[in-house]
Protein backbone atom coordinates (compact mmCIF):
# COMPACT_ATOMS: atom_id res chain seq x y z
CA LEU A 1 0.06 0.03 0.06
CA LYS A 2 2.87 2.36 0.78
CA LYS A 3 4.54 1.48 -2.35
CA ALA A 4 1.45 2.45 -4.39
CA ALA A 5 0.88 5.52 -2.43
CA ARG A 6 4.55 6.69 -3.38
CA MET A 7 4.05 5.62 -7.04
CA TYR A 8 1.06 7.83 -7.12
CA ALA A 9 2.18 10.77 -5.35
CA ASN A 10 5.79 11.02 -7.36
CA ALA A 11 4.03 10.45 -10.70
CA ASN A 12 4.12 13.53 -13.01
CA ARG A 13 0.48 12.81 -13.87
CA ALA A 14 -1.79 9.93 -12.72
CA SER A 15 -5.42 8.98 -13.20
CA ILE A 16 -7.45 7.11 -10.53
CA ILE A 17 -9.72 4.71 -12.33
CA TYR A 18 -12.26 3.10 -10.16
CA ALA A 19 -15.38 0.54 -10.92
CA MET A 20 -18.09 -0.64 -8.59
CA GLY A 21 -15.69 -1.99 -5.81
CA ILE A 22 -15.46 1.54 -4.69
CA THR A 23 -19.12 2.52 -4.62
CA GLN A 24 -20.89 -0.70 -3.40
CA HIS A 25 -20.58 0.13 0.38
CA ILE A 26 -22.44 2.02 2.82
CA SER A 27 -19.36 4.46 2.72
CA GLY A 28 -19.35 4.45 -1.19
CA THR A 29 -19.98 8.37 -1.59
CA ASP A 30 -16.98 8.91 0.99
CA ASN A 31 -14.88 6.25 -0.90
CA VAL A 32 -15.45 8.46 -4.06
CA LYS A 33 -14.75 11.61 -2.26
CA SER A 34 -11.59 10.37 -1.01
CA THR A 35 -10.31 9.51 -4.30
CA ALA A 36 -11.17 13.20 -5.32
CA ASN A 37 -9.24 14.36 -2.20
CA LEU A 38 -6.21 12.40 -3.35
CA SER A 39 -6.27 13.38 -7.00
CA MET A 40 -6.34 17.12 -5.95
CA LEU A 41 -3.80 16.71 -3.17
CA CYS A 42 -1.49 15.48 -5.84
CA GLY A 43 -2.22 17.94 -8.48
CA ASN A 44 -3.82 15.61 -10.69
CA VAL A 45 -6.87 17.44 -11.53
CA GLY A 46 -7.37 19.65 -14.52
CA ILE A 47 -4.44 17.86 -16.30
CA GLU A 48 -4.27 15.76 -19.29
CA GLY A 49 -4.05 11.99 -18.16
CA GLY A 50 -5.22 12.90 -14.72
CA GLY A 51 -8.45 13.22 -12.90
CA VAL A 52 -10.70 10.74 -11.14
CA ASN A 53 -12.41 8.39 -13.70
CA PRO A 54 -15.27 6.04 -12.97
CA LEU A 55 -15.86 2.88 -15.19
CA ARG A 56 -19.58 2.86 -15.22
CA GLY A 57 -21.56 -0.51 -14.79
CA GLN A 58 -22.35 -0.74 -18.61
CA ASN A 59 -21.77 1.22 -21.76
CA ASN A 60 -24.12 4.42 -22.05
CA VAL A 61 -24.50 4.67 -18.12
CA GLN A 62 -22.83 8.07 -18.52
CA GLY A 63 -25.16 8.86 -21.32
CA ALA A 64 -28.21 8.02 -19.47
CA CYS A 65 -27.06 9.94 -16.52
CA ASP A 66 -26.32 12.92 -18.87
CA MET A 67 -30.06 12.74 -20.27
CA GLY A 68 -31.34 13.14 -16.52
CA ALA A 69 -31.97 9.30 -15.84
CA LEU A 70 -31.35 10.10 -12.19
CA PRO A 71 -34.09 11.03 -9.51
CA ASN A 72 -32.66 14.43 -8.70
CA VAL A 73 -31.48 16.13 -11.88
CA TYR A 74 -32.74 16.89 -15.40
CA PRO A 75 -30.49 16.58 -18.35
CA ALA A 76 -27.03 17.94 -17.99
CA TYR A 77 -27.28 17.42 -14.25
CA GLN A 78 -29.71 20.42 -13.76
CA GLN A 79 -31.42 20.33 -10.47
CA VAL A 80 -34.96 19.18 -10.11
CA ALA A 81 -35.18 21.35 -6.87
CA ASN A 82 -34.01 24.60 -8.40
CA GLU A 83 -37.22 26.62 -9.48
CA ASP A 84 -35.59 28.39 -12.51
CA ILE A 85 -34.25 25.12 -14.06
CA ARG A 86 -37.63 23.62 -13.64
CA LYS A 87 -39.49 26.45 -15.15
CA LYS A 88 -37.12 26.11 -17.97
CA PHE A 89 -38.08 22.50 -18.70
CA GLU A 90 -41.63 23.10 -17.93
CA ALA A 91 -41.37 25.73 -20.92
CA ALA A 92 -39.60 23.25 -23.24
CA TRP A 93 -41.87 20.22 -22.52
CA GLY A 94 -45.19 21.96 -22.13
CA ALA A 95 -45.74 20.24 -18.84
CA THR A 96 -46.18 20.94 -15.01
CA LEU A 97 -43.17 19.34 -13.15
CA SER A 98 -42.83 18.43 -9.70
CA PRO A 99 -40.49 20.47 -7.48
CA LYS A 100 -39.48 17.16 -5.54
CA PRO A 101 -36.66 14.98 -6.46
CA GLY A 102 -37.78 11.45 -7.17
CA LEU A 103 -36.81 8.28 -5.47
CA THR A 104 -33.73 6.13 -5.86
CA LEU A 105 -34.07 2.37 -6.69
CA MET A 106 -34.17 0.93 -3.39
CA GLU A 107 -36.45 3.67 -2.27
CA ILE A 108 -38.76 2.74 -4.95
CA MET A 109 -38.79 -0.90 -3.67
CA ALA A 110 -39.43 0.20 -0.19
CA GLY A 111 -42.34 2.10 -1.58
CA ALA A 112 -43.65 -0.68 -3.27
CA GLY A 113 -43.47 -2.75 -0.19
CA SER A 114 -45.27 -0.11 1.82
CA GLY A 115 -48.03 0.40 -0.70
CA ALA A 116 -46.96 3.96 -1.37
CA ILE A 117 -46.00 2.95 -5.08
CA LYS A 118 -48.80 1.18 -6.94
CA ALA A 119 -47.26 1.06 -10.38
CA LEU A 120 -43.74 0.36 -11.67
CA TYR A 121 -42.32 0.79 -15.40
CA VAL A 122 -39.03 -1.04 -15.68
CA MET A 123 -36.74 -0.57 -18.66
CA GLY A 124 -33.56 -2.66 -19.17
CA GLU A 125 -33.35 -3.42 -15.57
CA ASN A 126 -33.64 -6.85 -13.93
CA PRO A 127 -34.02 -6.18 -10.13
CA LEU A 128 -35.24 -9.75 -9.31
CA LEU A 129 -31.81 -10.92 -10.01
CA SER A 130 -29.68 -7.68 -9.46
CA ASP A 131 -31.17 -6.11 -6.22
CA PRO A 132 -29.81 -7.25 -2.60
CA ASP A 133 -32.17 -9.56 -0.42
CA LEU A 134 -34.05 -10.82 -3.27
CA HIS A 135 -36.65 -12.68 -1.07
CA HIS A 136 -37.64 -9.22 -0.06
CA VAL A 137 -37.52 -7.69 -3.44
CA LYS A 138 -40.06 -10.23 -4.79
CA LYS A 139 -42.32 -9.88 -2.09
CA GLU A 140 -42.38 -6.01 -2.69
CA LEU A 141 -42.71 -6.34 -6.43
CA GLN A 142 -45.72 -8.60 -5.99
CA LYS A 143 -47.55 -5.93 -3.88
CA LEU A 144 -47.70 -3.58 -6.96
CA ASP A 145 -50.94 -3.10 -8.81
CA LEU A 146 -49.24 -2.89 -11.95
CA MET A 147 -45.76 -3.65 -13.32
CA ILE A 148 -44.43 -3.08 -16.80
CA VAL A 149 -41.34 -4.21 -18.14
CA GLN A 150 -39.69 -3.13 -21.30
CA ASP A 151 -36.92 -5.16 -22.33
CA ILE A 152 -35.21 -7.41 -25.31
CA PHE A 153 -35.67 -10.71 -23.35
CA MET A 154 -38.03 -12.38 -20.89
CA THR A 155 -35.87 -11.58 -17.95
CA GLU A 156 -36.62 -12.93 -14.21
CA THR A 157 -38.22 -9.36 -13.64
CA ALA A 158 -40.27 -9.73 -16.80
CA GLN A 159 -41.65 -13.13 -15.92
CA ILE A 160 -43.74 -11.72 -12.98
CA ALA A 161 -44.72 -8.60 -15.10
CA ASP A 162 -48.30 -7.66 -15.91
CA VAL A 163 -47.21 -6.42 -19.19
CA VAL A 164 -44.15 -6.94 -21.15
CA LEU A 165 -43.11 -4.47 -23.98
CA PRO A 166 -40.34 -5.96 -26.46
CA VAL A 167 -37.79 -3.77 -27.38
CA ALA A 168 -34.88 -3.52 -29.99
CA ALA A 169 -31.12 -4.39 -28.95
CA PHE A 170 -28.29 -2.15 -29.49
CA ALA A 171 -27.49 -3.37 -33.24
CA GLU A 172 -31.33 -2.75 -34.09
CA LYS A 173 -31.40 0.96 -33.34
CA ASP A 174 -29.92 4.32 -34.03
CA GLY A 175 -28.69 6.89 -31.55
CA THR A 176 -25.60 7.88 -29.52
CA PHE A 177 -23.73 6.18 -26.64
CA THR A 178 -21.63 8.31 -24.03
CA ASN A 179 -18.67 6.56 -22.52
CA THR A 180 -16.81 7.48 -19.30
CA GLU A 181 -14.54 9.79 -20.81
CA ARG A 182 -17.61 11.95 -21.81
CA ARG A 183 -17.30 10.99 -25.41
CA VAL A 184 -20.35 10.93 -27.45
CA GLN A 185 -20.46 8.54 -30.20
CA ARG A 186 -22.95 7.53 -32.86
CA VAL A 187 -24.84 4.13 -32.89
CA ARG A 188 -26.01 2.88 -36.20
CA LYS A 189 -28.63 0.50 -36.80
CA ALA A 190 -27.20 -2.67 -38.52
CA ILE A 191 -30.25 -5.15 -38.59
CA GLU A 192 -33.91 -5.18 -38.37
CA SER A 193 -35.52 -6.12 -34.93
CA PRO A 194 -37.45 -9.38 -34.72
CA GLY A 195 -41.21 -9.81 -34.19
CA GLU A 196 -43.12 -6.76 -32.62
CA ALA A 197 -39.85 -5.40 -31.00
CA LYS A 198 -39.62 -1.48 -31.32
CA THR A 199 -37.01 0.79 -30.37
CA ASP A 200 -37.23 2.14 -26.86
CA TRP A 201 -38.17 5.86 -27.92
CA GLU A 202 -41.02 4.47 -30.23
CA VAL A 203 -42.47 2.34 -27.19
CA ILE A 204 -42.09 5.58 -25.00
CA CYS A 205 -43.74 7.64 -27.34
CA GLY A 206 -46.52 5.18 -28.19
CA VAL A 207 -47.38 4.84 -24.43
CA SER A 208 -47.29 8.79 -23.95
CA ASN A 209 -49.46 9.26 -26.65
CA LYS A 210 -52.04 6.99 -25.27
CA MET A 211 -51.84 8.61 -22.03
CA GLY A 212 -52.38 12.08 -23.25
CA TYR A 213 -48.95 13.82 -23.56
CA PRO A 214 -48.22 13.79 -27.36
CA MET A 215 -44.80 12.78 -28.36
CA HIS A 216 -44.53 12.79 -32.18
CA TYR A 217 -40.78 12.30 -32.76
CA ALA A 218 -39.94 10.75 -36.25
CA SER A 219 -36.37 9.59 -35.37
CA ALA A 220 -33.57 9.31 -32.68
CA LYS A 221 -31.87 12.24 -34.40
CA GLU A 222 -34.98 14.45 -33.92
CA ILE A 223 -34.84 13.57 -30.17
CA PHE A 224 -31.08 14.31 -29.94
CA ASP A 225 -31.80 17.66 -31.79
CA GLU A 226 -34.29 18.42 -28.98
CA VAL A 227 -31.62 17.33 -26.37
CA THR A 228 -29.05 20.07 -27.38
CA THR A 229 -31.64 22.69 -26.85
CA VAL A 230 -32.05 22.03 -23.13
CA THR A 231 -28.57 20.42 -22.41
CA PRO A 232 -25.77 23.17 -22.56
CA SER A 233 -23.01 20.60 -22.41
CA TYR A 234 -24.46 19.06 -25.54
CA ALA A 235 -25.50 22.24 -27.41
CA GLY A 236 -22.67 21.97 -30.16
CA ILE A 237 -23.09 18.14 -30.80
CA THR A 238 -24.85 17.24 -33.95
CA TYR A 239 -25.36 14.14 -35.68
CA LYS A 240 -23.45 15.43 -38.54
CA ARG A 241 -20.31 16.36 -36.30
CA LEU A 242 -20.46 12.93 -34.93
CA GLU A 243 -20.53 11.05 -38.28
CA LYS A 244 -16.56 11.89 -38.43
CA GLU A 245 -15.64 11.23 -34.84
CA GLY A 246 -17.01 11.43 -31.31
CA LEU A 247 -17.02 14.59 -29.15
CA GLN A 248 -16.45 14.98 -25.49
CA TRP A 249 -18.92 17.41 -23.59
CA PRO A 250 -18.85 20.28 -22.61
CA CYS A 251 -19.26 21.13 -26.17
CA PRO A 252 -21.25 24.38 -25.79
CA THR A 253 -21.20 25.55 -29.53
CA SER A 254 -20.94 24.09 -32.91
CA GLU A 255 -17.37 25.44 -33.44
CA HIS A 256 -16.20 24.13 -30.09
CA LYS A 257 -13.99 21.05 -30.42
CA GLY A 258 -15.21 19.33 -27.43
CA THR A 259 -13.44 19.15 -23.82
CA LYS A 260 -10.44 16.47 -23.61
CA PHE A 261 -10.17 16.98 -19.89
CA LEU A 262 -12.14 18.89 -17.07
CA HIS A 263 -11.12 21.67 -14.69
CA LYS A 264 -8.12 23.06 -16.67
CA ASP A 265 -8.27 26.50 -15.32
CA LYS A 266 -10.48 26.26 -12.24
CA PHE A 267 -13.29 24.13 -10.78
CA SER A 268 -16.87 24.82 -11.56
CA ARG A 269 -17.10 26.28 -8.25
CA GLY A 270 -13.83 28.15 -8.24
CA LEU A 271 -11.59 26.19 -5.70
CA GLY A 272 -11.47 22.52 -5.13
CA LEU A 273 -13.57 21.22 -2.11
CA PHE A 274 -11.59 18.77 0.19
CA THR A 275 -13.92 16.64 2.31
CA ALA A 276 -12.85 15.41 5.71
CA ILE A 277 -13.74 11.69 5.76
CA GLU A 278 -14.66 9.72 8.91
CA PHE A 279 -14.11 6.06 8.49
CA ILE A 280 -17.48 3.90 8.40
CA PRO A 281 -17.05 0.13 9.10
CA PRO A 282 -19.33 -2.24 6.93
CA ASN A 283 -22.96 -2.74 8.09
CA GLU A 284 -22.32 -6.63 8.59
CA LEU A 285 -19.06 -8.21 9.33
CA PRO A 286 -18.14 -11.99 10.06
CA ASP A 287 -18.72 -13.37 13.35
CA LYS A 288 -19.02 -16.94 15.17
CA GLU A 289 -22.31 -17.84 13.36
CA TYR A 290 -21.31 -16.30 9.95
CA PRO A 291 -17.54 -16.54 9.72
CA PHE A 292 -16.83 -15.63 6.11
CA LEU A 293 -17.21 -12.26 4.41
CA LEU A 294 -18.90 -12.61 0.99
CA SER A 295 -18.02 -10.16 -1.85
CA THR A 296 -20.07 -10.06 -5.16
CA GLY A 297 -19.32 -8.82 -8.41
CA ARG A 298 -18.94 -9.64 -12.03
CA VAL A 299 -16.51 -12.09 -14.23
CA LEU A 300 -14.91 -11.35 -17.57
CA TYR A 301 -17.37 -13.15 -19.69
CA HIS A 302 -20.66 -11.71 -18.39
CA TYR A 303 -22.49 -8.64 -18.13
CA HIS A 304 -24.70 -7.96 -14.92
CA THR A 305 -27.75 -10.31 -14.63
CA GLY A 306 -26.72 -12.09 -17.95
CA THR A 307 -29.75 -10.95 -20.01
CA MET A 308 -27.55 -10.73 -22.94
CA THR A 309 -24.23 -12.59 -22.26
CA THR A 310 -25.67 -16.10 -20.89
CA ARG A 311 -27.71 -16.41 -24.18
CA ALA A 312 -24.43 -16.14 -25.99
CA GLN A 313 -22.57 -19.32 -26.95
CA GLY A 314 -19.01 -17.94 -26.37
CA PRO A 315 -19.24 -16.31 -22.92
CA SER A 316 -21.45 -19.14 -21.69
CA GLU A 317 -18.80 -22.06 -22.79
CA ARG A 318 -16.04 -19.91 -21.05
CA CYS A 319 -18.26 -19.35 -17.88
CA PRO A 320 -21.39 -21.58 -17.74
CA GLU A 321 -22.26 -21.12 -14.00
CA SER A 322 -21.83 -19.35 -10.82
CA LEU A 323 -18.88 -20.45 -8.63
CA VAL A 324 -17.94 -19.94 -4.90
CA GLU A 325 -14.26 -18.98 -5.09
CA ILE A 326 -12.69 -19.72 -1.74
CA ASN A 327 -9.01 -19.80 -0.31
CA PRO A 328 -7.21 -23.20 -0.38
CA ALA A 329 -6.73 -22.97 3.35
CA ASP A 330 -10.40 -22.47 4.06
CA ALA A 331 -11.32 -25.18 1.80
CA GLU A 332 -8.99 -27.67 3.58
CA LYS A 333 -10.24 -26.61 6.92
CA LEU A 334 -13.96 -27.38 5.69
CA GLY A 335 -12.90 -30.39 3.88
CA ILE A 336 -14.19 -28.89 0.46
CA SER A 337 -12.76 -29.97 -2.62
CA ASP A 338 -12.79 -28.21 -6.12
CA GLY A 339 -15.84 -28.59 -7.90
CA GLN A 340 -17.86 -29.79 -5.06
CA LEU A 341 -21.30 -28.27 -4.54
CA VAL A 342 -21.48 -26.15 -1.48
CA LYS A 343 -24.30 -24.16 0.32
CA VAL A 344 -23.68 -20.54 1.23
CA THR A 345 -26.02 -19.17 3.79
CA SER A 346 -26.45 -15.62 5.15
CA ARG A 347 -29.03 -14.15 7.38
CA ARG A 348 -31.35 -13.60 4.63
CA GLY A 349 -31.18 -16.81 2.46
CA ASN A 350 -28.98 -19.49 1.12
CA VAL A 351 -27.56 -20.53 -2.54
CA GLU A 352 -25.69 -23.55 -3.70
CA ALA A 353 -23.17 -23.51 -6.33
CA LYS A 354 -19.76 -25.43 -7.05
CA ALA A 355 -16.66 -24.51 -4.97
CA HIS A 356 -13.64 -23.02 -6.94
CA ILE A 357 -10.52 -23.18 -4.84
CA THR A 358 -8.33 -20.32 -5.66
CA THR A 359 -5.73 -17.99 -4.14
CA LYS A 360 -7.54 -15.06 -5.82
CA SER A 361 -9.87 -15.10 -2.46
CA ALA A 362 -8.10 -14.03 0.76
CA PRO A 363 -8.32 -16.39 4.00
CA GLY A 364 -11.84 -15.80 5.44
CA SER A 365 -13.50 -14.33 2.15
CA ILE A 366 -15.34 -15.97 -0.72
CA PHE A 367 -16.50 -14.21 -3.96
CA MET A 368 -19.42 -15.04 -6.01
CA ASN A 369 -20.82 -13.60 -9.36
CA PHE A 370 -24.45 -12.44 -9.81
CA HIS A 371 -24.97 -13.48 -13.33
CA PHE A 372 -26.92 -16.74 -13.06
CA THR A 373 -30.45 -17.46 -11.93
CA ASN A 374 -29.51 -20.92 -10.82
CA ALA A 375 -27.37 -19.55 -7.97
CA PRO A 376 -28.83 -15.99 -7.30
CA VAL A 377 -26.34 -14.59 -4.89
CA ASN A 378 -28.63 -11.68 -4.18
CA LEU A 379 -30.69 -13.61 -2.17
CA LEU A 380 -27.70 -13.32 0.35
CA THR A 381 -26.49 -9.92 0.07
CA ASN A 382 -27.34 -6.86 2.54
CA PRO A 383 -29.74 -4.22 1.58
CA ALA A 384 -27.81 -1.62 3.93
CA LEU A 385 -27.52 1.56 1.96
CA ASP A 386 -25.00 4.33 1.64
CA PRO A 387 -26.93 7.39 3.29
CA THR A 388 -26.03 9.62 0.23
CA GLY A 389 -25.86 7.62 -2.74
CA LYS A 390 -28.56 4.83 -1.54
CA ILE A 391 -26.30 2.16 -2.82
CA PRO A 392 -26.63 -0.99 -1.41
CA GLU A 393 -23.40 -2.88 0.33
CA TYR A 394 -23.06 -5.58 -2.35
CA LYS A 395 -19.30 -5.84 -1.58
CA VAL A 396 -19.55 -7.00 2.14
CA CYS A 397 -21.75 -9.52 3.89
CA ALA A 398 -21.44 -12.30 6.50
CA VAL A 399 -22.13 -15.69 5.38
CA LYS A 400 -21.37 -19.41 6.52
CA LEU A 401 -20.26 -22.34 4.16
CA ALA A 402 -20.72 -26.02 4.27
CA ALA A 403 -20.89 -28.98 1.97
CA ALA A 404 -24.37 -29.23 0.06
């Protein structure tokens, strides 16, 4: 750790690139603030090749957030609670908008369970495999009066929905993706969609028209053109410019070449804001009854709940099932052999999967991926939330292990 710290501190320029392992803790927001503190302290903000760069959970997560797919902001991170901002979007959209920020995913689930939320519209998400404490999640979803799922396949969540709306996959539609370096790039339709599947925007427009709010867009380009009128950081980006190459926002005018890196001269608020961080231990740690620490995540060959990748022959041949990755010393103590079926139990549930003995897991720790429905590891995980970001603590929960 000291060696890594000195390497970072002494580098002419250095970038911190982090993924879900930083954020999926009850201290996730503080963890991100700590990386910002470190980057500023070492002079690595506002320089090319520096900064703090999150690897988002999937392609175009950045673009979805840029477009306001968050409960507290409109496109370009303009605050819902700001009256002037709200009035701007009310004028642009011809609608009355709530001054109250919306709910995060876990707050929505709690609302469904309490009866405060009656209907849920799920797009490209599979909470019945991805959310923590799945037994509880299923009970919450089953209390809804109406659940609509819009997806490309019949996911576990779609199977309990009241209405399923089939949509196009990435190669079947036009549009843009924005990656983690804020680079906006074109996506071009390659093939036709099967059956009744339509693009997401066509389905949304159809539902909106039926519900009395007219949306008469003719193409993804037309929607993007509207985006640029209310999203200052995208104002100078056009499909024509993107035909040649991607552009990095902020790109405020048609002459602007895009922004390679942020905060070149100063921060948006002037000086950088250092934050004092107080250590917060995980919500649940191993004890006598549950002596192992379980951490969950992904493997190279699959994405999230496997909606696409588990249906693909190549990835499924390389990684056909979930495994319990356990240290050789722990396996020897428990009398567990490689490939043996084992049972993993937490305070919330249990799953069975084959053991994989590996030094990648530290003594006292096990790792499982969350891609497979036959070993849904999120039956085990802890729904404790980061108080700011409302992200569950997927990376730490206490479990016990035994031969099945």
